[in-house]
Amino acid sequence: MYYVPDGTTRCGFYECVECGERFLSLHTEPVILCPSCGEEPDLEIGPDEEMPKAAETAKLLQIVEGEDVEKMDALLSLAVTGGDYEWI
């Protein structure tokens, strides 16, 4: 699968409030770090700059369980791959 490993039976469906990306994650917390825009902050700062913080901006939309995990993963990956469904 694209977002979660094969055989996953429970995962979280998230949407980032900053970049709008929707993705699946093995986590099921209410808010997590977005894999796109919430990556590691640049720690090369100057003397007058504040230390950057990694903000948790991805909010849980729903918990996906059972057969729906594979279906949701396939649908979300179609958007990322541009509709190339030959790999499914």
Protein backbone atom coordinates (compact mmCIF):
# COMPACT_ATOMS: atom_id res chain seq x y z
CA MET A 1 0.00 0.00 0.00
CA TYR A 2 1.06 3.61 -0.42
CA TYR A 3 0.54 5.29 2.99
CA VAL A 4 0.43 2.38 5.45
CA PRO A 5 2.04 -1.09 5.40
CA ASP A 6 0.19 -4.09 3.95
CA GLY A 7 -2.00 -5.83 6.48
CA THR A 8 -2.83 -2.68 8.46
CA THR A 9 -6.26 -3.04 10.06
CA ARG A 10 -6.57 0.31 11.84
CA CYS A 11 -5.23 3.76 10.98
CA GLY A 12 -6.07 7.44 11.16
CA PHE A 13 -7.25 9.60 8.25
CA TYR A 14 -5.77 13.08 8.66
CA GLU A 15 -5.92 16.49 6.99
CA CYS A 16 -3.32 19.20 7.51
CA VAL A 17 -4.76 22.64 8.23
CA GLU A 18 -1.63 24.35 6.83
CA CYS A 19 -1.11 22.66 3.44
CA GLY A 20 -4.45 20.82 3.04
CA GLU A 21 -2.86 17.42 2.35
CA ARG A 22 -4.91 14.38 3.33
CA PHE A 23 -3.10 11.20 4.33
CA LEU A 24 -3.30 7.99 6.32
CA SER A 25 -1.14 7.34 9.36
CA LEU A 26 -0.68 4.47 11.78
CA HIS A 27 -1.27 7.02 14.55
CA THR A 28 -4.78 7.71 15.85
CA GLU A 29 -4.12 10.75 18.04
CA PRO A 30 -6.37 13.82 17.56
CA VAL A 31 -3.48 15.95 16.19
CA ILE A 32 -0.12 14.89 14.72
CA LEU A 33 2.80 16.36 12.78
CA CYS A 34 2.12 16.72 9.04
CA PRO A 35 4.62 14.66 6.97
CA SER A 36 4.77 17.38 4.27
CA CYS A 37 4.88 20.77 5.93
CA GLY A 38 5.72 19.76 9.49
CA GLU A 39 9.07 18.19 8.74
CA GLU A 40 12.16 18.81 10.81
CA PRO A 41 12.69 22.53 11.39
CA ASP A 42 15.83 24.19 10.05
CA LEU A 43 18.05 24.46 13.11
CA GLU A 44 20.61 26.75 11.43
CA ILE A 45 19.48 30.00 13.00
CA GLY A 46 21.15 33.32 13.53
CA PRO A 47 21.83 34.94 16.90
CA ASP A 48 18.67 37.07 16.78
CA GLU A 49 16.28 34.35 15.57
CA GLU A 50 14.06 32.16 17.70
CA MET A 51 14.38 28.39 17.72
CA PRO A 52 11.83 27.01 15.21
CA LYS A 53 9.12 24.72 16.53
CA ALA A 54 7.57 21.76 14.76
CA ALA A 55 3.83 22.39 14.99
CA GLU A 56 1.33 19.57 14.93
CA THR A 57 -1.07 20.73 12.22
CA ALA A 58 -2.67 17.51 10.94
CA LYS A 59 -6.08 16.85 12.49
CA LEU A 60 -7.77 13.46 12.69
CA LEU A 61 -10.84 13.28 10.45
CA GLN A 62 -11.76 9.67 11.18
CA ILE A 63 -10.38 6.30 12.24
CA VAL A 64 -10.41 3.79 9.38
CA GLU A 65 -10.68 0.09 10.20
CA GLY A 66 -10.83 -3.29 8.49
CA GLU A 67 -11.18 -3.56 4.70
CA ASP A 68 -11.71 0.20 4.44
CA VAL A 69 -8.00 0.78 5.18
CA GLU A 70 -6.92 -0.76 1.89
CA LYS A 71 -9.70 1.02 -0.05
CA MET A 72 -8.90 4.43 1.47
CA ASP A 73 -5.17 3.95 0.85
CA ALA A 74 -5.83 3.12 -2.81
CA LEU A 75 -8.10 6.15 -3.29
CA LEU A 76 -5.68 8.59 -1.65
CA SER A 77 -2.72 7.22 -3.60
CA LEU A 78 -4.56 7.74 -6.91
CA ALA A 79 -4.55 11.47 -6.20
CA VAL A 80 -0.80 11.41 -5.53
CA THR A 81 0.14 9.23 -8.50
CA GLY A 82 -1.98 11.26 -10.92
CA GLY A 83 -4.54 8.56 -11.57
CA ASP A 84 -2.09 5.82 -12.51
CA TYR A 85 -3.96 2.85 -11.07
CA GLU A 86 -1.95 0.15 -12.83
CA TRP A 87 0.02 -0.58 -9.65
CA ILE A 88 -3.12 -1.49 -7.65
